[in-house]
Amino acid sequence: MEYLILCIFLVSGKTFTFRDAAILSDNEFALTFDYAAMSDGLTKTATFYKAQVAGVSKTPYPAEEEAS
C-alpha cells in the first residue's frame, strides 16, 4: 500500500518522516518500504526492525474526487 506520509516512532524517542512511501514488506520482524528522498527526490529503500519501533503513523493519499 502507498502512503502520502509515513512516520516511524522509535523506542528511543526519535521520529522519522517519509513521503510517498510504498510498503514492500511488513512482517513480525521488520518494516521495509520505498520512499521519495526529500534531499534529492530519488526513490530509496528503508528497513526498520520492529524491536526498535514504538509506533507507526500512516497518512494515505486523498481519495480522488469524482468528476461532476
Protein backbone atom coordinates (compact mmCIF):
# COMPACT_ATOMS: atom_id res chain seq x y z
CA MET A 1 0.00 0.00 0.00
CA GLU A 2 1.17 3.53 -0.72
CA TYR A 3 1.06 6.48 1.67
CA LEU A 4 1.49 10.21 1.31
CA ILE A 5 3.35 10.32 4.64
CA LEU A 6 4.77 7.52 6.79
CA CYS A 7 6.13 8.35 10.26
CA ILE A 8 8.20 5.90 12.29
CA PHE A 9 8.49 6.46 16.05
CA LEU A 10 11.40 4.67 17.72
CA VAL A 11 11.53 3.49 21.33
CA SER A 12 14.48 5.89 21.77
CA GLY A 13 12.12 8.83 21.14
CA LYS A 14 13.38 9.66 17.65
CA THR A 15 10.89 10.21 14.84
CA PHE A 16 11.47 9.69 11.11
CA THR A 17 9.10 11.07 8.47
CA PHE A 18 8.97 9.78 4.89
CA ARG A 19 6.89 10.97 1.93
CA ASP A 20 5.48 8.96 -0.96
CA ALA A 21 6.11 5.70 0.89
CA ALA A 22 5.20 2.28 -0.51
CA ILE A 23 5.41 -0.64 1.91
CA LEU A 24 7.30 -3.57 0.40
CA SER A 25 7.29 -5.91 3.41
CA ASP A 26 5.66 -5.79 6.83
CA ASN A 27 6.28 -8.90 8.93
CA GLU A 28 6.79 -9.66 12.61
CA PHE A 29 10.46 -8.64 12.49
CA ALA A 30 10.80 -5.68 10.12
CA LEU A 31 9.05 -2.99 8.07
CA THR A 32 10.61 -2.34 4.65
CA PHE A 33 9.43 0.39 2.29
CA ASP A 34 10.40 2.60 -0.64
CA TYR A 35 10.15 6.38 -0.26
CA ALA A 36 10.93 9.58 -2.14
CA ALA A 37 14.01 11.14 -0.54
CA MET A 38 13.47 14.76 0.48
CA SER A 39 17.10 15.63 -0.32
CA ASP A 40 17.16 14.60 -3.98
CA GLY A 41 13.72 13.18 -4.84
CA LEU A 42 15.15 9.76 -5.72
CA THR A 43 13.37 6.59 -4.64
CA LYS A 44 15.20 4.86 -1.79
CA THR A 45 14.50 1.85 0.42
CA ALA A 46 14.46 1.78 4.22
CA THR A 47 14.14 -1.06 6.74
CA PHE A 48 13.21 -0.63 10.39
CA TYR A 49 13.40 -3.57 12.78
CA LYS A 50 10.24 -3.75 14.85
CA ALA A 51 12.12 -4.35 18.10
CA GLN A 52 13.16 -0.67 17.82
CA VAL A 53 9.79 0.72 16.65
CA ALA A 54 7.35 2.14 19.21
CA GLY A 55 4.73 3.14 16.64
CA VAL A 56 3.85 3.97 13.05
CA SER A 57 1.61 6.68 11.59
CA LYS A 58 0.30 6.30 8.03
CA THR A 59 -1.32 9.13 6.05
CA PRO A 60 -2.98 7.82 2.88
CA TYR A 61 -3.27 9.78 -0.33
CA PRO A 62 -6.55 11.70 -0.53
CA ALA A 63 -9.27 9.90 -2.48
CA GLU A 64 -9.80 11.22 -5.98
CA GLU A 65 -12.97 13.27 -6.22
CA GLU A 66 -15.40 12.08 -8.85
CA ALA A 67 -15.95 14.45 -11.76
CA SER A 68 -19.37 16.14 -11.71
